[in-house]
C-alpha atoms as a PDB file:
ATOM      1  CA  SER A   1     116.129 -97.110 293.567  1.00  0.00           C
ATOM      2  CA  ASN A   2     114.504 -95.384 290.583  1.00  0.00           C
ATOM      3  CA  VAL A   3     115.500 -98.280 288.309  1.00  0.00           C
ATOM      4  CA  CYS A   4     113.516-101.512 288.433  1.00  0.00           C
ATOM      5  CA  SER A   5     112.979-104.537 286.227  1.00  0.00           C
ATOM      6  CA  SER A   6     109.590-105.961 285.254  1.00  0.00           C
ATOM      7  CA  ASP A   7     108.626-109.307 283.771  1.00  0.00           C
ATOM      8  CA  LEU A   8     106.399-109.075 280.702  1.00  0.00           C
ATOM      9  CA  LEU A   9     104.534-112.112 279.425  1.00  0.00           C
ATOM     10  CA  PHE A  10     103.253-111.876 275.850  1.00  0.00           C
ATOM     11  CA  ALA A  11     102.358-114.588 273.332  1.00  0.00           C
ATOM     12  CA  GLY A  12     104.069-117.280 275.398  1.00  0.00           C
ATOM     13  CA  ARG A  13     107.344-115.399 275.852  1.00  0.00           C
ATOM     14  CA  THR A  14     108.707-113.689 278.959  1.00  0.00           C
ATOM     15  CA  ILE A  15     110.609-110.465 278.382  1.00  0.00           C
ATOM     16  CA  ILE A  16     112.438-108.440 281.019  1.00  0.00           C
ATOM     17  CA  ALA A  17     111.974-104.680 280.761  1.00  0.00           C
ATOM     18  CA  THR A  18     113.836-102.074 282.782  1.00  0.00           C
ATOM     19  CA  ALA A  19     111.628 -99.382 284.264  1.00  0.00           C
ATOM     20  CA  LYS A  20     113.041 -95.965 285.169  1.00  0.00           C
ATOM     21  CA  GLU A  21     110.894 -94.044 287.614  1.00  0.00           C
ATOM     22  CA  GLY A  22     108.034 -96.422 286.842  1.00  0.00           C
ATOM     23  CA  ILE A  23     108.170 -96.071 283.046  1.00  0.00           C
ATOM     24  CA  TRP A  24     109.270 -98.859 280.716  1.00  0.00           C
ATOM     25  CA  SER A  25     109.090 -99.691 277.041  1.00  0.00           C
ATOM     26  CA  SER A  26     109.742-102.911 275.178  1.00  0.00           C
ATOM     27  CA  GLU A  27     109.520-104.150 271.613  1.00  0.00           C
ATOM     28  CA  LEU A  28     107.140-107.082 271.198  1.00  0.00           C
ATOM     29  CA  THR A  29     106.660-109.460 268.289  1.00  0.00           C
ATOM     30  CA  ALA A  30     103.041-110.308 267.536  1.00  0.00           C
ATOM     31  CA  PRO A  31     102.103-113.939 266.910  1.00  0.00           C
ATOM     32  CA  PRO A  32     101.292-114.953 263.312  1.00  0.00           C
ATOM     33  CA  THR A  33      97.645-115.774 264.070  1.00  0.00           C
ATOM     34  CA  SER A  34      94.909-113.186 264.524  1.00  0.00           C
ATOM     35  CA  GLY A  35      93.061-112.802 267.800  1.00  0.00           C
ATOM     36  CA  GLU A  36      93.233-111.194 271.233  1.00  0.00           C
ATOM     37  CA  VAL A  37      96.523-111.844 273.049  1.00  0.00           C
ATOM     38  CA  PRO A  38      97.056-110.942 276.738  1.00  0.00           C
ATOM     39  CA  LEU A  39     100.045-108.836 277.781  1.00  0.00           C
ATOM     40  CA  THR A  40     100.730-109.169 281.522  1.00  0.00           C
ATOM     41  CA  TRP A  41     103.467-107.749 283.690  1.00  0.00           C
ATOM     42  CA  ALA A  42     104.798-108.080 287.218  1.00  0.00           C
ATOM     43  CA  VAL A  43     107.326-106.089 289.246  1.00  0.00           C
ATOM     44  CA  ASP A  44     110.529-108.135 289.569  1.00  0.00           C
ATOM     45  CA  CYS A  45     112.830-105.985 291.724  1.00  0.00           C
ATOM     46  CA  ILE A  46     111.237-106.065 295.153  1.00  0.00           C
ATOM     47  CA  GLU A  47     113.598-106.512 298.083  1.00  0.00           C
ATOM     48  CA  GLY A  48     113.079-107.521 301.705  1.00  0.00           C
ATOM     49  CA  GLN A  49     109.477-107.333 302.811  1.00  0.00           C
ATOM     50  CA  GLY A  50     108.316-105.568 299.635  1.00  0.00           C
ATOM     51  CA  GLN A  51     105.249-106.817 297.790  1.00  0.00           C
ATOM     52  CA  ASP A  52     103.981-106.426 294.248  1.00  0.00           C
ATOM     53  CA  VAL A  53     100.586-104.870 294.837  1.00  0.00           C
ATOM     54  CA  THR A  54      99.795-104.352 291.156  1.00  0.00           C
ATOM     55  CA  GLU A  55      96.085-104.913 290.671  1.00  0.00           C
ATOM     56  CA  LYS A  56      95.566-108.032 288.586  1.00  0.00           C
ATOM     57  CA  GLU A  57      92.813-106.317 286.593  1.00  0.00           C
ATOM     58  CA  THR A  58      95.087-103.474 285.507  1.00  0.00           C
ATOM     59  CA  SER A  59      98.198-105.584 284.883  1.00  0.00           C
ATOM     60  CA  VAL A  60      96.600-107.296 281.879  1.00  0.00           C
ATOM     61  CA  LYS A  61      96.137-105.541 278.557  1.00  0.00           C
ATOM     62  CA  TRP A  62      94.494-107.328 275.672  1.00  0.00           C
ATOM     63  CA  ILE A  63      96.314-106.757 272.382  1.00  0.00           C
ATOM     64  CA  LEU A  64      94.330-107.353 269.200  1.00  0.00           C
ATOM     65  CA  VAL A  65      96.439-109.017 266.522  1.00  0.00           C
ATOM     66  CA  ASP A  66      94.868-108.526 263.097  1.00  0.00           C
ATOM     67  CA  GLY A  67      96.695-110.300 260.297  1.00  0.00           C
ATOM     68  CA  ILE A  68      93.715-110.950 258.020  1.00  0.00           C
ATOM     69  CA  GLY A  69      91.941-108.413 255.846  1.00  0.00           C
ATOM     70  CA  PRO A  70      88.192-107.869 255.617  1.00  0.00           C
ATOM     71  CA  GLU A  71      86.452-111.063 254.486  1.00  0.00           C
ATOM     72  CA  PRO A  72      83.373-110.721 252.276  1.00  0.00           C
ATOM     73  CA  VAL A  73      80.787-113.227 253.488  1.00  0.00           C
ATOM     74  CA  GLU A  74      77.710-112.801 251.285  1.00  0.00           C
ATOM     75  CA  VAL A  75      76.323-110.487 248.646  1.00  0.00           C
ATOM     76  CA  LEU A  76      72.714-109.906 249.675  1.00  0.00           C
ATOM     77  CA  SER A  77      71.904-107.760 246.642  1.00  0.00           C
ATOM     78  CA  PRO A  78      72.001-108.092 243.714  1.00  0.00           C
ATOM     79  CA  ARG A  79      71.754-111.868 243.615  1.00  0.00           C
ATOM     80  CA  ALA A  80      73.659-113.893 241.027  1.00  0.00           C
ATOM     81  CA  GLN A  81      70.402-114.764 239.245  1.00  0.00           C
ATOM     82  CA  ALA A  82      69.133-111.170 239.209  1.00  0.00           C
ATOM     83  CA  ILE A  83      67.922-109.688 235.928  1.00  0.00           C
ATOM     84  CA  LEU A  84      69.562-106.289 235.671  1.00  0.00           C
ATOM     85  CA  SER A  85      68.056-103.425 233.733  1.00  0.00           C
ATOM     86  CA  ALA A  86      69.850-100.392 232.280  1.00  0.00           C
ATOM     87  CA  SER A  87      69.482 -98.367 235.489  1.00  0.00           C
ATOM     88  CA  GLU A  88      71.025 -97.909 238.925  1.00  0.00           C
ATOM     89  CA  HIS A  89      71.314-100.963 241.151  1.00  0.00           C
ATOM     90  CA  ASP A  90      71.853-101.131 244.912  1.00  0.00           C
ATOM     91  CA  VAL A  91      74.579-103.341 246.351  1.00  0.00           C
ATOM     92  CA  LEU A  92      74.341-104.792 249.874  1.00  0.00           C
ATOM     93  CA  LEU A  93      76.894-107.217 251.277  1.00  0.00           C
ATOM     94  CA  THR A  94      78.260-108.497 254.583  1.00  0.00           C
ATOM     95  CA  VAL A  95      81.896-108.766 255.686  1.00  0.00           C
ATOM     96  CA  ASN A  96      83.771-110.056 258.745  1.00  0.00           C
ATOM     97  CA  GLU A  97      86.490-107.837 260.198  1.00  0.00           C
ATOM     98  CA  ILE A  98      87.741-108.199 263.785  1.00  0.00           C
ATOM     99  CA  GLY A  99      90.143-105.253 263.815  1.00  0.00           C
ATOM    100  CA  GLY A 100      88.047-102.560 262.168  1.00  0.00           C
ATOM    101  CA  LEU A 101      87.375-101.489 258.595  1.00  0.00           C
ATOM    102  CA  ASP A 102      89.172 -98.591 256.948  1.00  0.00           C
ATOM    103  CA  VAL A 103      85.838 -97.503 255.500  1.00  0.00           C
ATOM    104  CA  GLN A 104      87.346 -94.666 253.443  1.00  0.00           C
ATOM    105  CA  SER A 105      89.501 -97.169 251.539  1.00  0.00           C
ATOM    106  CA  LEU A 106      86.622 -99.477 250.581  1.00  0.00           C
ATOM    107  CA  GLN A 107      85.144 -99.367 247.109  1.00  0.00           C
ATOM    108  CA  ILE A 108      83.042-101.497 244.802  1.00  0.00           C
ATOM    109  CA  ARG A 109      84.551-102.042 241.362  1.00  0.00           C
ATOM    110  CA  TRP A 110      82.128-103.279 238.717  1.00  0.00           C
ATOM    111  CA  GLU A 111      82.657-104.622 235.229  1.00  0.00           C
ATOM    112  CA  VAL A 112      80.236-105.399 232.437  1.00  0.00           C
ATOM    113  CA  ALA A 113      81.797-108.064 230.253  1.00  0.00           C
ATOM    114  CA  ASP A 114      80.907-110.320 227.354  1.00  0.00           C
ATOM    115  CA  PHE A 115      80.454-113.675 229.073  1.00  0.00           C
ATOM    116  CA  GLU A 116      81.809-115.539 226.033  1.00  0.00           C
ATOM    117  CA  THR A 117      84.936-113.512 225.282  1.00  0.00           C
ATOM    118  CA  GLY A 118      85.534-111.910 228.677  1.00  0.00           C
ATOM    119  CA  GLU A 119      85.939-108.505 227.014  1.00  0.00           C
ATOM    120  CA  VAL A 120      85.139-105.701 229.478  1.00  0.00           C
ATOM    121  CA  LEU A 121      82.739-103.243 227.841  1.00  0.00           C
ATOM    122  CA  ARG A 122      82.026-100.940 230.789  1.00  0.00           C
ATOM    123  CA  ASP A 123      83.477-100.579 234.274  1.00  0.00           C
ATOM    124  CA  GLY A 124      83.490 -98.214 237.205  1.00  0.00           C
ATOM    125  CA  VAL A 125      84.364 -97.682 240.856  1.00  0.00           C
ATOM    126  CA  GLU A 126      81.850 -96.680 243.535  1.00  0.00           C
ATOM    127  CA  PRO A 127      82.248 -95.636 247.203  1.00  0.00           C
ATOM    128  CA  VAL A 128      81.024 -97.920 249.980  1.00  0.00           C
ATOM    129  CA  ASN A 129      78.953 -96.997 253.040  1.00  0.00           C
ATOM    130  CA  LEU A 130      79.061 -98.806 256.389  1.00  0.00           C
ATOM    131  CA  GLU A 131      75.506 -99.641 257.473  1.00  0.00           C
ATOM    132  CA  SER A 132      76.561-101.304 260.744  1.00  0.00           C
ATOM    133  CA  GLU A 133      76.964 -99.304 263.952  1.00  0.00           C
ATOM    134  CA  PHE A 134      80.608-100.252 264.498  1.00  0.00           C
ATOM    135  CA  PRO A 135      83.452-100.840 261.986  1.00  0.00           C
ATOM    136  CA  ASP A 136      84.482-104.168 263.538  1.00  0.00           C
ATOM    137  CA  GLY A 137      82.776-107.499 264.112  1.00  0.00           C
ATOM    138  CA  LEU A 138      80.995-110.219 262.195  1.00  0.00           C
ATOM    139  CA  LEU A 139      78.527-109.728 259.356  1.00  0.00           C
ATOM    140  CA  LEU A 140      79.069-105.991 258.998  1.00  0.00           C
ATOM    141  CA  GLU A 141      76.732-104.574 256.350  1.00  0.00           C
ATOM    142  CA  LEU A 142      78.164-102.506 253.508  1.00  0.00           C
ATOM    143  CA  SER A 143      76.160-100.739 250.827  1.00  0.00           C
ATOM    144  CA  SER A 144      76.928 -99.189 247.467  1.00  0.00           C
ATOM    145  CA  SER A 145      75.410 -98.922 243.991  1.00  0.00           C
ATOM    146  CA  PHE A 146      76.357 -99.019 240.330  1.00  0.00           C
ATOM    147  CA  ASN A 147      74.717 -97.626 237.229  1.00  0.00           C
ATOM    148  CA  LEU A 148      74.133 -99.509 233.964  1.00  0.00           C
ATOM    149  CA  SER A 149      72.220 -96.722 232.229  1.00  0.00           C
ATOM    150  CA  GLU A 150      74.804 -96.601 229.419  1.00  0.00           C
ATOM    151  CA  ILE A 151      74.113-100.217 228.491  1.00  0.00           C
ATOM    152  CA  SER A 152      71.825-100.530 225.480  1.00  0.00           C
ATOM    153  CA  ARG A 153      70.194-103.249 223.383  1.00  0.00           C
ATOM    154  CA  GLU A 154      72.740-102.535 220.668  1.00  0.00           C
ATOM    155  CA  MET A 155      75.464-103.825 222.997  1.00  0.00           C
ATOM    156  CA  LEU A 156      74.027-107.357 222.874  1.00  0.00           C
ATOM    157  CA  ILE A 157      72.800-107.035 226.430  1.00  0.00           C
ATOM    158  CA  ASP A 158      71.729-110.672 226.598  1.00  0.00           C
ATOM    159  CA  ARG A 159      75.362-111.743 226.280  1.00  0.00           C
ATOM    160  CA  LEU A 160      76.688-109.675 229.161  1.00  0.00           C
ATOM    161  CA  VAL A 161      77.671-110.543 232.717  1.00  0.00           C
ATOM    162  CA  VAL A 162      78.322-108.115 235.582  1.00  0.00           C
ATOM    163  CA  HIS A 163      81.239-108.746 237.951  1.00  0.00           C
ATOM    164  CA  LEU A 164      81.405-107.018 241.337  1.00  0.00           C
ATOM    165  CA  TYR A 165      84.637-106.677 243.330  1.00  0.00           C
ATOM    166  CA  LEU A 166      85.193-105.345 246.860  1.00  0.00           C
ATOM    167  CA  GLU A 167      88.503-103.530 247.266  1.00  0.00           C
ATOM    168  CA  GLY A 168      90.118-101.797 250.245  1.00  0.00           C
ATOM    169  CA  ARG A 169      91.674-102.673 253.592  1.00  0.00           C
ATOM    170  CA  ASP A 170      91.230-102.785 257.336  1.00  0.00           C
ATOM    171  CA  LEU A 171      92.725-100.435 259.933  1.00  0.00           C
ATOM    172  CA  ALA A 172      95.805-102.668 260.185  1.00  0.00           C
ATOM    173  CA  GLY A 173      96.465-102.230 256.454  1.00  0.00           C
ATOM    174  CA  ASN A 174      95.397-105.752 255.391  1.00  0.00           C
ATOM    175  CA  ASN A 175      93.714-105.899 251.979  1.00  0.00           C
ATOM    176  CA  VAL A 176      90.273-107.430 251.416  1.00  0.00           C
ATOM    177  CA  ILE A 177      90.520-111.199 251.058  1.00  0.00           C
ATOM    178  CA  GLY A 178      88.451-113.461 248.820  1.00  0.00           C
ATOM    179  CA  ILE A 179      84.847-114.413 249.494  1.00  0.00           C
ATOM    180  CA  GLY A 180      84.195-117.876 250.886  1.00  0.00           C
ATOM    181  CA  GLY A 181      87.865-118.815 250.998  1.00  0.00           C
ATOM    182  CA  LYS A 182      88.513-117.959 247.357  1.00  0.00           C
ATOM    183  CA  ALA A 183      91.686-116.165 246.340  1.00  0.00           C
ATOM    184  CA  ALA A 184      91.759-112.392 246.710  1.00  0.00           C
ATOM    185  CA  GLY A 185      91.015-110.428 243.557  1.00  0.00           C
ATOM    186  CA  GLN A 186      88.132-112.665 242.484  1.00  0.00           C
ATOM    187  CA  PRO A 187      84.645-111.206 241.974  1.00  0.00           C
ATOM    188  CA  ILE A 188      82.441-111.251 245.065  1.00  0.00           C
ATOM    189  CA  GLN A 189      79.460-111.631 242.740  1.00  0.00           C
ATOM    190  CA  LYS A 190      78.831-112.574 239.098  1.00  0.00           C
ATOM    191  CA  ILE A 191      75.389-111.532 237.971  1.00  0.00           C
ATOM    192  CA  GLY A 192      74.050-113.706 235.175  1.00  0.00           C
ATOM    193  CA  ARG A 193      73.209-111.911 231.985  1.00  0.00           C
ATOM    194  CA  ALA A 194      72.038-108.345 232.211  1.00  0.00           C
ATOM    195  CA  HIS A 195      68.780-107.528 230.377  1.00  0.00           C
ATOM    196  CA  VAL A 196      67.034-104.332 229.320  1.00  0.00           C
END
């Protein structure tokens, strides 16, 4: 017969798929937790002396479930206690991302604000570069920069604080989450008071 059933085992559930001339398709529901989940299958329609000779190595496919966005781990530069001048400053940070970064979507947003009133005096958005060899894994290095050359003494520079935000998503469409378990949308770094 050209029609055969196969047992699929995925995320603790067995699903029966009907194969026609060796081809089958089935809709699967991913588990809520991220990680690698095995999908295995076995031929279920053998009669008489037939045997399932599917190679065990090829009957298992590992499915990566990615339900968590890129997680900023640490801002290596500039440090929170850095003294910033009215010039360009390099940004270097690390993120964890098991499923792969959508590098084109990543950007650093920066704000210069009055630390007493919170009023934003200057802001901008800068592209991000991936310094690591691959877009997935732990402690991936990202780099960027921002420019404070428009900040002057007349703007009461000693009362200003710089906030850095990482925005973007991973290849699964999950947005960047907060650093160190904080809520998303919070600054990944607050740099003391800028000075000229």
